[in-house]
Protein backbone atom coordinates (compact mmCIF):
# COMPACT_ATOMS: atom_id res chain seq x y z
CA MET A 1 114.51 133.91 80.88
CA LYS A 2 115.77 137.43 81.50
CA LEU A 3 115.10 139.93 78.72
CA TYR A 4 117.52 142.56 77.41
CA MET A 5 116.91 145.68 75.32
CA SER A 6 119.16 144.28 72.59
CA ASP A 7 117.19 141.03 72.28
CA LEU A 8 115.36 140.69 68.96
CA TYR A 9 111.81 139.59 68.33
CA ARG A 10 109.48 138.70 65.51
CA VAL A 11 105.70 138.38 65.73
CA GLU A 12 103.71 135.80 63.78
CA LEU A 13 100.08 136.70 63.18
CA HIS A 14 98.04 134.57 60.80
CA TYR A 15 94.85 136.65 60.80
CA PRO A 16 93.75 139.86 62.53
CA LEU A 17 91.07 139.65 65.20
CA ASP A 18 87.44 140.07 64.22
CA ASP A 19 84.91 142.14 66.19
CA VAL A 20 83.69 139.25 68.34
CA GLN A 21 87.25 138.35 69.30
CA MET A 22 88.00 141.95 70.19
CA ASP A 23 84.94 142.01 72.44
CA SER A 24 86.03 138.72 73.97
CA LEU A 25 89.50 140.11 74.60
CA TYR A 26 88.26 143.16 76.48
CA TYR A 27 85.19 141.74 78.24
CA LEU A 28 86.45 138.24 79.08
CA TYR A 29 90.25 138.29 79.17
CA GLN A 30 91.05 141.81 80.41
CA PRO A 31 89.33 141.41 83.82
CA ILE A 32 91.56 138.35 84.39
CA VAL A 33 94.97 139.51 83.10
CA GLY A 34 94.65 143.30 83.43
CA ALA A 35 94.79 146.22 81.01
CA SER A 36 98.60 146.28 80.72
CA ALA A 37 98.78 142.68 79.47
CA ILE A 38 96.06 143.40 76.91
CA SER A 39 97.92 146.55 75.76
CA LEU A 40 101.02 144.44 75.16
CA TYR A 41 98.93 141.85 73.29
CA MET A 42 97.40 144.52 71.04
CA MET A 43 100.84 145.99 70.38
CA LEU A 44 102.09 142.54 69.34
CA ILE A 45 99.11 142.19 66.97
CA VAL A 46 99.98 145.50 65.29
CA GLU A 47 103.61 144.40 65.09
CA GLY A 48 102.47 141.12 63.57
CA LYS A 49 100.64 142.98 60.79
CA ARG A 50 103.76 145.05 60.09
CA MET A 51 106.10 142.05 60.15
CA ASN A 52 103.93 140.15 57.69
CA LYS A 53 105.22 142.72 55.19
CA VAL A 54 108.65 143.45 56.66
CA ILE A 55 110.49 140.32 57.78
CA THR A 56 113.27 142.15 59.66
CA PRO A 57 113.11 141.55 63.43
CA SER A 58 113.04 144.41 65.92
CA SER A 59 114.72 144.86 69.29
CA LEU A 60 112.76 144.77 72.53
CA SER A 61 113.65 148.42 73.05
CA ARG A 62 110.90 149.12 70.48
CA LEU A 63 108.23 147.63 72.77
CA ASN A 64 109.75 149.51 75.68
CA ALA A 65 109.47 152.81 73.80
CA PHE A 66 105.97 152.34 72.35
CA LEU A 67 104.37 151.03 75.54
CA SER A 68 106.40 153.03 78.09
CA MET A 69 106.76 149.71 79.85
CA SER A 70 109.88 148.43 81.61
CA LEU A 71 111.52 145.19 80.49
CA LEU A 72 110.55 143.61 83.81
CA ASP A 73 106.89 144.46 83.15
CA ILE A 74 107.14 143.30 79.54
CA GLU A 75 108.55 139.98 80.74
CA LYS A 76 105.82 139.69 83.37
CA TYR A 77 102.97 140.38 80.94
CA LEU A 78 104.42 138.14 78.23
CA LYS A 79 104.31 135.26 80.72
CA THR A 80 100.75 136.26 81.65
CA LEU A 81 99.67 136.10 78.00
CA GLU A 82 101.41 132.74 77.61
CA ALA A 83 99.70 131.30 80.67
CA ILE A 84 96.24 132.46 79.59
CA GLY A 85 96.67 130.89 76.12
CA LEU A 86 97.03 134.05 74.01
CA LEU A 87 100.71 133.74 73.17
CA LYS A 88 103.32 131.11 72.37
CA THR A 89 107.01 132.01 72.65
CA TYR A 90 110.06 130.48 70.95
CA VAL A 91 113.71 131.46 71.49
CA LYS A 92 116.93 131.00 69.49
CA HIS A 93 120.50 131.85 70.54
CA GLU A 94 122.87 132.53 67.66
CA ASN A 95 126.10 134.54 67.32
CA ASP A 96 125.74 136.14 70.74
CA LEU A 97 122.24 137.29 69.82
CA THR A 98 118.96 136.16 71.31
CA GLN A 99 115.89 136.21 69.10
CA TYR A 100 112.31 135.49 70.13
CA VAL A 101 109.36 134.53 68.00
CA TYR A 102 106.04 135.58 69.52
CA GLN A 103 103.24 133.54 67.98
CA ILE A 104 99.86 135.23 68.47
CA HIS A 105 96.93 132.99 69.38
CA SER A 106 93.36 134.21 69.05
CA PRO A 107 91.02 134.34 72.06
CA LEU A 108 88.86 131.28 72.55
CA SER A 109 85.34 131.33 71.17
CA ILE A 110 82.71 132.51 73.65
CA LYS A 111 81.41 128.97 74.09
CA ALA A 112 84.89 127.52 74.60
CA PHE A 113 85.77 130.25 77.11
CA PHE A 114 82.78 129.60 79.37
CA LYS A 115 83.24 125.85 78.98
CA ASN A 116 86.77 126.23 80.37
CA GLN A 117 86.33 125.99 84.14
CA ILE A 118 89.60 127.81 84.87
CA LEU A 119 88.82 130.86 82.72
CA ALA A 120 85.12 131.01 83.64
CA SER A 121 85.89 130.77 87.36
CA LEU A 122 88.64 133.40 87.16
CA LEU A 123 86.31 135.78 85.32
CA GLU A 124 83.53 135.23 87.86
CA ASP A 125 85.96 135.92 90.71
CA SER A 126 87.30 139.05 89.00
CA LEU A 127 83.90 140.72 88.53
CA SER A 128 81.02 141.60 90.79
CA PRO A 129 77.95 139.35 90.39
CA ASP A 130 76.15 142.19 88.58
CA ASP A 131 79.01 142.82 86.12
CA PHE A 132 79.43 139.09 85.53
CA GLN A 133 75.76 138.75 84.56
CA LYS A 134 75.98 141.84 82.33
CA THR A 135 78.97 140.28 80.57
CA ILE A 136 77.11 137.02 79.97
CA GLN A 137 74.06 138.90 78.66
CA TYR A 138 76.26 140.91 76.28
CA PHE A 139 77.38 137.77 74.49
CA LYS A 140 73.95 136.16 74.36
CA ILE A 141 72.21 136.36 70.99
CA SER A 142 68.42 136.45 70.79
CA LEU A 143 67.35 134.01 68.08
CA GLU A 144 63.94 133.31 66.62
CA ASP A 145 62.29 130.05 67.65
CA LEU A 146 62.25 128.10 64.36
CA THR A 147 59.97 125.32 65.58
CA HIS A 148 57.08 126.35 63.32
CA TYR A 149 59.25 127.47 60.38
CA GLU A 150 60.11 125.51 57.25
CA ASP A 151 63.70 125.42 55.98
CA ILE A 152 63.59 126.61 52.34
CA THR A 153 67.33 127.33 51.94
CA ALA A 154 68.54 126.71 48.37
CA ARG A 155 71.11 123.97 47.84
CA PHE A 156 74.23 124.37 45.73
CA GLN A 157 72.93 122.19 42.90
CA ASP A 158 69.65 124.16 42.88
CA VAL A 159 71.51 127.30 41.86
CA PHE A 160 74.72 126.30 40.10
CA HIS A 161 75.28 124.04 37.10
CA ILE A 162 78.74 122.57 36.64
CA GLN A 163 79.79 122.21 32.99
CA HIS A 164 82.73 120.13 31.79
CA LEU A 165 85.48 122.31 30.42
CA LYS A 166 86.37 122.10 26.75
CA LYS A 167 89.72 120.76 25.71
CA GLY A 168 92.42 123.24 26.53
CA GLY A 169 90.27 124.77 29.23
CA ARG A 170 91.84 125.95 32.40
CA ILE A 171 91.01 124.51 35.78
CA LEU A 172 91.27 126.86 38.75
CA LYS A 173 93.43 125.35 41.44
CA TYR A 174 93.58 126.44 45.07
CA LYS A 175 96.88 126.33 46.84
CA GLU A 176 96.91 124.70 50.29
CA GLU A 177 98.65 127.67 51.88
CA PHE A 178 95.84 129.12 53.93
CA GLN A 179 96.53 129.21 57.65
CA GLU A 180 93.94 128.34 60.24
CA ARG A 181 93.27 130.90 62.93
CA MET A 182 95.36 129.73 65.87
CA GLN A 183 93.77 129.21 69.26
CA LYS A 184 95.40 127.81 72.36
CA ASP A 185 93.60 126.59 75.45
CA VAL A 186 95.00 127.13 78.93
CA GLU A 187 97.63 124.49 79.63
CA ILE A 188 97.72 122.98 83.12
CA SER A 189 100.10 120.57 84.75
CA TYR A 190 98.48 117.95 86.95
CA ASP A 191 99.57 114.66 88.52
CA TYR A 192 97.46 112.37 86.31
CA ASP A 193 99.33 109.25 87.41
CA LEU A 194 98.44 109.82 91.06
CA LEU A 195 94.87 110.74 90.12
CA LEU A 196 94.40 107.54 88.10
CA LYS A 197 95.88 105.45 90.92
CA ALA A 198 93.57 107.10 93.47
CA LEU A 199 90.52 106.56 91.23
CA SER A 200 91.52 102.91 90.91
CA ASN A 201 91.78 102.60 94.69
CA TYR A 202 88.22 103.92 94.94
CA GLN A 203 87.19 101.21 92.43
CA ILE A 204 85.78 103.79 90.01
CA ASN A 205 84.94 102.36 86.60
CA ARG A 206 87.28 104.23 84.24
CA SER A 207 85.06 103.45 81.25
CA LEU A 208 82.43 105.81 82.72
CA LEU A 209 84.86 108.75 82.57
CA THR A 210 85.47 110.50 79.25
CA GLN A 211 88.47 112.58 78.23
CA GLU A 212 86.28 115.66 78.66
CA ASP A 213 85.48 114.54 82.21
CA PHE A 214 89.19 114.39 83.04
CA HIS A 215 89.74 117.79 81.43
CA TYR A 216 86.84 119.24 83.43
CA MET A 217 87.87 117.78 86.80
CA THR A 218 91.53 118.79 86.50
CA GLN A 219 90.54 122.32 85.50
CA LEU A 220 88.40 122.57 88.62
CA ALA A 221 91.22 121.12 90.70
CA SER A 222 93.61 123.73 89.32
CA VAL A 223 91.20 126.58 90.05
CA TYR A 224 90.68 125.51 93.66
CA SER A 225 94.21 124.09 94.28
CA ILE A 226 93.00 120.56 95.02
CA ASP A 227 95.52 117.71 95.06
CA ALA A 228 94.97 114.48 93.14
CA LEU A 229 94.04 112.34 96.18
CA THR A 230 91.42 114.84 97.34
CA LEU A 231 90.06 115.25 93.80
CA ALA A 232 89.64 111.48 93.47
CA GLY A 233 87.50 111.50 96.60
CA PHE A 234 85.24 114.20 95.17
CA VAL A 235 84.98 112.32 91.88
CA LYS A 236 83.95 109.17 93.75
CA ASP A 237 81.16 111.09 95.51
CA ALA A 238 80.00 112.62 92.21
CA MET A 239 79.86 109.35 90.25
CA GLN A 240 76.43 108.11 89.20
CA SER A 241 75.30 105.08 87.23
CA GLN A 242 75.55 106.92 83.89
CA GLY A 243 78.90 108.56 84.66
CA LEU A 244 80.30 111.68 86.29
CA ASN A 245 77.80 114.31 87.42
CA ARG A 246 79.84 117.42 86.64
CA GLU A 247 77.50 119.86 88.35
CA LEU A 248 77.53 117.76 91.52
CA LEU A 249 81.33 117.64 91.40
CA LYS A 250 81.57 121.41 91.02
CA THR A 251 79.03 121.99 93.81
CA GLN A 252 80.92 119.67 96.17
CA ILE A 253 84.25 121.34 95.46
CA LYS A 254 82.80 124.82 95.97
CA LYS A 255 81.16 123.67 99.21
CA HIS A 256 84.48 122.19 100.28
CA MET A 257 86.23 125.51 99.61
CA GLU A 258 83.61 127.47 101.56
CA ILE A 259 84.01 125.19 104.56
CA SER A 260 87.78 125.24 104.26
CA GLU A 261 87.91 129.04 104.09
CA SER A 262 85.43 129.56 106.93
CA SER A 263 86.69 126.93 109.33
CA GLN A 264 90.28 126.28 108.28
CA LEU A 265 89.72 122.72 109.56
CA LYS A 266 89.40 123.70 113.21
CA GLU A 267 86.80 121.21 114.39
CA ILE A 268 88.79 118.04 113.69
CA TYR A 269 91.37 119.05 116.29
CA HIS A 270 88.85 119.15 119.16
CA LYS A 271 88.49 116.47 121.82
CA GLN A 272 85.27 115.30 123.45
CA PRO A 273 83.93 117.90 125.94
CA LEU A 274 84.29 116.77 129.56
CA GLN A 275 80.54 116.68 130.25
CA TYR A 276 80.00 114.20 127.39
CA GLN A 277 82.88 111.84 128.20
CA THR A 278 82.29 108.22 129.27
CA GLN A 279 81.47 108.13 133.01
CA ASP A 280 81.33 104.34 133.41
CA GLN A 281 84.04 103.15 135.86
CA GLN A 282 84.21 99.57 134.58
CA ASP A 283 87.48 98.24 133.17
CA SER A 284 85.89 96.29 130.32
CA PRO A 285 87.58 96.53 126.88
CA LEU A 286 84.54 98.36 125.52
CA VAL A 287 84.51 101.06 128.23
CA LEU A 288 88.28 101.52 127.98
CA HIS A 289 88.03 101.91 124.22
CA MET A 290 85.22 104.45 124.52
CA LYS A 291 87.37 106.44 126.97
CA TYR A 292 90.23 106.24 124.50
CA LEU A 293 88.00 107.70 121.77
CA ASP A 294 87.06 110.46 124.23
CA SER A 295 90.72 111.33 124.72
CA ILE A 296 91.81 111.82 121.09
CA THR A 297 90.73 114.15 118.30
CA PRO A 298 89.24 112.88 115.02
CA TYR A 299 92.41 114.13 113.31
CA GLU A 300 94.58 111.98 115.60
CA LEU A 301 92.35 108.96 115.00
CA LEU A 302 92.56 109.35 111.21
CA LYS A 303 96.33 109.76 111.42
CA GLU A 304 96.52 106.60 113.54
CA LYS A 305 94.45 104.71 110.96
CA GLN A 306 96.88 105.96 108.28
CA GLY A 307 99.79 104.36 110.11
CA GLY A 308 101.05 107.71 111.40
CA ARG A 309 100.92 109.40 108.00
CA GLU A 310 99.07 112.64 107.35
CA PRO A 311 95.38 111.90 106.52
CA VAL A 312 94.21 112.78 103.02
CA PHE A 313 92.41 116.10 102.84
CA HIS A 314 89.24 114.52 101.45
CA ASP A 315 88.83 112.45 104.63
CA LEU A 316 89.55 115.47 106.82
CA MET A 317 86.88 117.47 105.00
CA ILE A 318 84.30 114.70 105.49
CA VAL A 319 84.97 114.72 109.23
CA GLU A 320 85.01 118.53 109.36
CA THR A 321 81.60 118.59 107.67
CA LEU A 322 80.19 116.09 110.19
CA MET A 323 81.34 118.29 113.07
CA LEU A 324 80.77 121.75 111.61
CA GLN A 325 77.49 121.32 109.73
CA LEU A 326 75.88 118.44 111.63
CA GLY A 327 77.29 119.38 115.03
CA LEU A 328 78.42 115.87 116.00
CA LYS A 329 80.67 115.59 119.06
CA PRO A 330 84.33 114.54 118.51
CA ALA A 331 84.06 111.13 120.23
CA VAL A 332 80.82 110.40 118.36
CA VAL A 333 82.64 111.14 115.11
CA ASN A 334 85.48 108.85 116.22
CA VAL A 335 83.04 105.97 116.67
CA LEU A 336 81.57 106.71 113.24
CA ILE A 337 85.04 106.81 111.63
CA GLU A 338 85.95 103.39 113.03
CA TYR A 339 82.63 101.90 112.00
CA VAL A 340 82.66 103.23 108.42
CA LEU A 341 86.31 102.30 107.85
CA GLY A 342 85.56 98.79 109.08
CA LYS A 343 82.46 98.45 106.90
CA ASN A 344 83.87 100.12 103.79
CA ASN A 345 87.28 98.50 103.26
CA ASN A 346 89.18 101.26 105.11
CA ARG A 347 87.66 104.06 103.01
CA LEU A 348 85.51 106.92 104.26
CA SER A 349 82.34 107.36 102.21
CA LYS A 350 80.94 110.89 102.38
CA ARG A 351 77.35 109.84 101.67
CA TYR A 352 77.44 106.96 104.14
CA CYS A 353 78.98 109.10 106.89
CA GLU A 354 76.48 111.91 106.37
CA ALA A 355 73.52 109.50 106.28
CA ILE A 356 74.46 107.95 109.63
CA GLY A 357 75.51 111.31 111.07
CA SER A 358 72.20 112.96 110.16
CA SER A 359 70.33 110.10 111.83
CA TRP A 360 72.38 110.54 115.00
CA VAL A 361 71.71 114.27 115.09
CA ARG A 362 67.96 113.60 115.01
CA LYS A 363 68.38 111.05 117.83
CA ASN A 364 70.54 113.46 119.86
CA ILE A 365 73.54 111.12 120.09
CA LEU A 366 76.13 112.98 122.19
CA THR A 367 78.50 110.37 123.67
CA ALA A 368 80.73 107.64 122.29
CA MET A 369 78.77 104.98 124.21
CA ASP A 370 75.47 106.27 122.81
CA ALA A 371 76.94 106.07 119.31
CA TYR A 372 78.19 102.52 119.91
CA ASN A 373 74.80 101.39 121.25
CA GLU A 374 73.09 102.96 118.25
CA LEU A 375 75.38 101.01 115.93
CA MET A 376 74.64 97.81 117.86
CA ASN A 377 70.90 98.38 117.38
CA LYS A 378 71.42 99.29 113.72
CA ASP A 379 73.42 96.18 112.90
CA GLU A 380 71.13 93.90 114.90
CA GLU A 381 68.28 95.17 112.70
CA GLU A 382 70.38 94.63 109.56
CA THR A 383 71.35 91.15 110.74
CA GLN A 384 67.69 90.31 111.39
CA GLU A 385 66.81 91.53 107.89
CA VAL A 386 69.57 89.37 106.39
CA GLN A 387 68.36 86.32 108.30
CA GLU A 388 64.73 86.88 107.29
CA LYS A 389 65.72 87.37 103.67
CA SER A 390 67.82 84.20 103.67
CA VAL A 391 64.87 82.20 105.01
CA GLN A 392 62.57 83.62 102.34
CA GLU A 393 65.04 82.89 99.55
CA GLU A 394 66.22 79.60 101.10
CA LYS A 395 69.78 80.79 100.50
CA PRO A 396 71.66 81.19 103.76
CA GLN A 397 73.95 84.21 103.91
CA VAL A 398 75.96 83.24 106.98
CA GLU A 399 79.11 84.87 105.64
CA SER A 400 77.45 88.31 105.47
CA THR A 401 75.91 87.94 108.93
CA ASP A 402 79.15 86.68 110.44
CA GLU A 403 80.98 89.65 108.95
CA LEU A 404 78.63 92.09 110.69
CA MET A 405 78.90 90.32 114.01
CA ASN A 406 82.69 90.09 113.72
CA LEU A 407 82.86 93.83 113.05
CA LEU A 408 80.80 94.62 116.13
CA SER A 409 82.87 92.21 118.17
CA GLN A 410 86.08 93.98 117.14
CA LEU A 411 84.59 97.36 117.98
CA LYS A 412 83.46 96.06 121.37
CA GLU A 413 86.94 94.74 122.15
CA GLY A 414 88.62 97.95 121.00
CA GLN A 415 90.44 96.30 118.10
CA LEU A 416 89.26 98.66 115.35
């Protein structure tokens, strides 16, 4: 909303800032929002103290005069303070006048600030590594190790004795008018419906995810501009038996950003180099399919598997990692994509892809046919293990074996 010099404002301040909050404001918030926004915030605090005594609103020209700041800058920095959680704004239009109420919110506690992935990441990005560590050290308090100490603190009843008042005595009553110090976390807008649907598609047990987990993952997603479908893929890869491994999730997302920034997803658009293409001149379905995988990029294959729709970024990043970090050839990756999608209910599993891909790197698999033959050997071994296990347990598992053989048959005939 556009501001005018004649617009009126009032500031609501429940309590002034203490020393720790002032330090937090300058050491934690200022590197993120800038000195001008903090100057406006401090001016509003002073105005709040004044207006606690004088109710009359002031015009915005007062802020303009005291801060030597244009209305455009005032509007910009007000929005900055709102976005960072230091200010809440209300507006009322009455009798051709516009009046704002600026409600001051205190900075978050030190613990809450660093627990907030958006604020902590923004601060880390705003400072050099050395200054960031100095800032953290400033707020650390050296405490005595109390392991070998005994707690001898006096209790209330050890010191005070409560006597019943005599008749006609006066009981001191406290009015419930005290205001709590107001704090406001950073508010983010995220597509939770799409995220929940994507998590359901990945068959992730929702009971293993807490409300704090959702808060944590969406904060990370906001910091690194990750859409809900891609985030769900990272969450799937970071899930463990006891729940979400937050550190693993953060590491994966950071790794994803590093790859994205360095490569800009270049590798997935490459086709199989000529010297590694299928040389067999037979017209069998298998050879023709291998030649087809030589002729398209992994991106085109994923798009084809998506029915012509754009592949989700999580899948693209898995493939990019296979090609960039493991050095797998495009057609080899294409064979791997078809195999994993067929084995894993049309979903790419990062761990599964990387496990097979790492094995192929060690075995120097360079062509689509080599990759196919390696899969044939792999599944023959798995089939043999299934058969041996079924004999030992006297419980035939024909369905599982048939499924493997059917999958290989489809791959051989070029149906996957």
